[in-house]
Amino acid sequence: MLAQKIVDGKITTRDFWPIDPVLKDAARYRTLQQMARFVYIDGVASVQFPRIPATSGDEDCSFETRVSAAVDDLPDHNRW
């Protein structure tokens, strides 16, 4: 079946992960990574993130949706 797909050469979008959510998640990850700092507690290095205020009114949404909204509401790193 795989060989037949290669021979056919047809690409359908349903066979692949949509790129838009992947790019948005990557941008959120990059934002969080830029905010991370190393702190040393008892000589052990740990990664620490600042507090990120949650967006109000998202209590009925899923955990991932609430976290995404909170990270999206952060100011751009270039404007700090």
C-alpha atoms as a PDB file:
ATOM      1  CA  MET A   1       0.000   0.000   0.000  1.00  0.00           C
ATOM      2  CA  LEU A   2       2.870   2.367   0.803  1.00  0.00           C
ATOM      3  CA  ALA A   3       4.568   1.599  -2.500  1.00  0.00           C
ATOM      4  CA  GLN A   4       1.317   2.273  -4.343  1.00  0.00           C
ATOM      5  CA  LYS A   5       1.027   5.669  -2.632  1.00  0.00           C
ATOM      6  CA  ILE A   6       4.553   6.578  -3.706  1.00  0.00           C
ATOM      7  CA  VAL A   7       3.849   5.508  -7.278  1.00  0.00           C
ATOM      8  CA  ASP A   8       0.577   7.439  -7.393  1.00  0.00           C
ATOM      9  CA  GLY A   9       2.352  10.602  -6.240  1.00  0.00           C
ATOM     10  CA  LYS A  10      -0.832  12.131  -4.860  1.00  0.00           C
ATOM     11  CA  ILE A  11      -0.526  14.279  -1.784  1.00  0.00           C
ATOM     12  CA  THR A  12      -3.629  14.911   0.214  1.00  0.00           C
ATOM     13  CA  THR A  13      -3.701  17.342   3.089  1.00  0.00           C
ATOM     14  CA  ARG A  14      -5.539  14.914   5.364  1.00  0.00           C
ATOM     15  CA  ASP A  15      -2.484  12.633   5.387  1.00  0.00           C
ATOM     16  CA  PHE A  16      -0.365  15.306   7.063  1.00  0.00           C
ATOM     17  CA  TRP A  17      -0.483  17.255  10.292  1.00  0.00           C
ATOM     18  CA  PRO A  18      -1.797  20.794   9.733  1.00  0.00           C
ATOM     19  CA  ILE A  19       1.130  23.209   9.863  1.00  0.00           C
ATOM     20  CA  ASP A  20      -0.646  26.219  11.420  1.00  0.00           C
ATOM     21  CA  PRO A  21      -1.129  24.733  14.928  1.00  0.00           C
ATOM     22  CA  VAL A  22       2.441  23.436  14.881  1.00  0.00           C
ATOM     23  CA  LEU A  23       3.828  26.892  14.050  1.00  0.00           C
ATOM     24  CA  LYS A  24       1.692  28.557  16.733  1.00  0.00           C
ATOM     25  CA  ASP A  25       2.839  26.043  19.366  1.00  0.00           C
ATOM     26  CA  ALA A  26       6.450  26.544  18.279  1.00  0.00           C
ATOM     27  CA  ALA A  27       6.071  30.315  18.677  1.00  0.00           C
ATOM     28  CA  ARG A  28       4.605  29.833  22.166  1.00  0.00           C
ATOM     29  CA  TYR A  29       7.460  27.526  23.110  1.00  0.00           C
ATOM     30  CA  ARG A  30       9.971  30.071  21.847  1.00  0.00           C
ATOM     31  CA  THR A  31       8.293  32.797  23.908  1.00  0.00           C
ATOM     32  CA  LEU A  32       8.520  30.678  27.054  1.00  0.00           C
ATOM     33  CA  GLN A  33      12.094  29.724  26.298  1.00  0.00           C
ATOM     34  CA  GLN A  34      13.107  33.376  25.997  1.00  0.00           C
ATOM     35  CA  MET A  35      11.624  34.062  29.433  1.00  0.00           C
ATOM     36  CA  ALA A  36      13.353  31.163  31.190  1.00  0.00           C
ATOM     37  CA  ARG A  37      16.227  31.812  33.553  1.00  0.00           C
ATOM     38  CA  PHE A  38      18.628  29.563  35.411  1.00  0.00           C
ATOM     39  CA  VAL A  39      18.550  29.787  39.180  1.00  0.00           C
ATOM     40  CA  TYR A  40      20.822  27.914  41.528  1.00  0.00           C
ATOM     41  CA  ILE A  41      19.218  26.429  44.612  1.00  0.00           C
ATOM     42  CA  ASP A  42      21.629  24.641  46.945  1.00  0.00           C
ATOM     43  CA  GLY A  43      24.145  24.518  44.111  1.00  0.00           C
ATOM     44  CA  VAL A  44      21.724  22.784  41.717  1.00  0.00           C
ATOM     45  CA  ALA A  45      20.830  24.604  38.493  1.00  0.00           C
ATOM     46  CA  SER A  46      17.120  24.783  37.779  1.00  0.00           C
ATOM     47  CA  VAL A  47      15.112  26.424  35.034  1.00  0.00           C
ATOM     48  CA  GLN A  48      12.626  28.982  36.319  1.00  0.00           C
ATOM     49  CA  PHE A  49       9.842  30.770  34.476  1.00  0.00           C
ATOM     50  CA  PRO A  50       8.244  34.009  35.662  1.00  0.00           C
ATOM     51  CA  ARG A  51       4.609  34.023  36.653  1.00  0.00           C
ATOM     52  CA  ILE A  52       2.304  34.243  33.670  1.00  0.00           C
ATOM     53  CA  PRO A  53      -1.115  35.681  34.483  1.00  0.00           C
ATOM     54  CA  ALA A  54      -4.018  33.587  33.235  1.00  0.00           C
ATOM     55  CA  THR A  55      -6.560  35.132  30.906  1.00  0.00           C
ATOM     56  CA  SER A  56      -9.865  35.706  32.645  1.00  0.00           C
ATOM     57  CA  GLY A  57     -13.036  34.205  31.241  1.00  0.00           C
ATOM     58  CA  ASP A  58     -11.450  30.944  30.056  1.00  0.00           C
ATOM     59  CA  GLU A  59     -12.505  28.805  33.018  1.00  0.00           C
ATOM     60  CA  ASP A  60     -14.685  26.547  30.846  1.00  0.00           C
ATOM     61  CA  CYS A  61     -11.933  25.854  28.308  1.00  0.00           C
ATOM     62  CA  SER A  62      -9.463  22.986  28.336  1.00  0.00           C
ATOM     63  CA  PHE A  63      -6.131  23.279  30.135  1.00  0.00           C
ATOM     64  CA  GLU A  64      -4.174  23.573  26.874  1.00  0.00           C
ATOM     65  CA  THR A  65      -6.465  26.292  25.563  1.00  0.00           C
ATOM     66  CA  ARG A  66      -6.105  28.312  28.783  1.00  0.00           C
ATOM     67  CA  VAL A  67      -2.307  28.004  28.769  1.00  0.00           C
ATOM     68  CA  SER A  68      -2.131  28.938  25.080  1.00  0.00           C
ATOM     69  CA  ALA A  69      -4.294  32.006  25.673  1.00  0.00           C
ATOM     70  CA  ALA A  70      -2.141  33.095  28.628  1.00  0.00           C
ATOM     71  CA  VAL A  71       1.081  32.786  26.619  1.00  0.00           C
ATOM     72  CA  ASP A  72      -0.492  34.537  23.621  1.00  0.00           C
ATOM     73  CA  ASP A  73      -1.449  37.489  25.857  1.00  0.00           C
ATOM     74  CA  LEU A  74       2.169  38.107  26.882  1.00  0.00           C
ATOM     75  CA  PRO A  75       3.784  41.211  25.394  1.00  0.00           C
ATOM     76  CA  ASP A  76       6.261  40.743  22.565  1.00  0.00           C
ATOM     77  CA  HIS A  77       9.808  40.130  23.768  1.00  0.00           C
ATOM     78  CA  ASN A  78      11.111  42.924  21.537  1.00  0.00           C
ATOM     79  CA  ARG A  79       8.940  45.493  23.317  1.00  0.00           C
ATOM     80  CA  TRP A  80      10.286  44.743  26.821  1.00  0.00           C
END
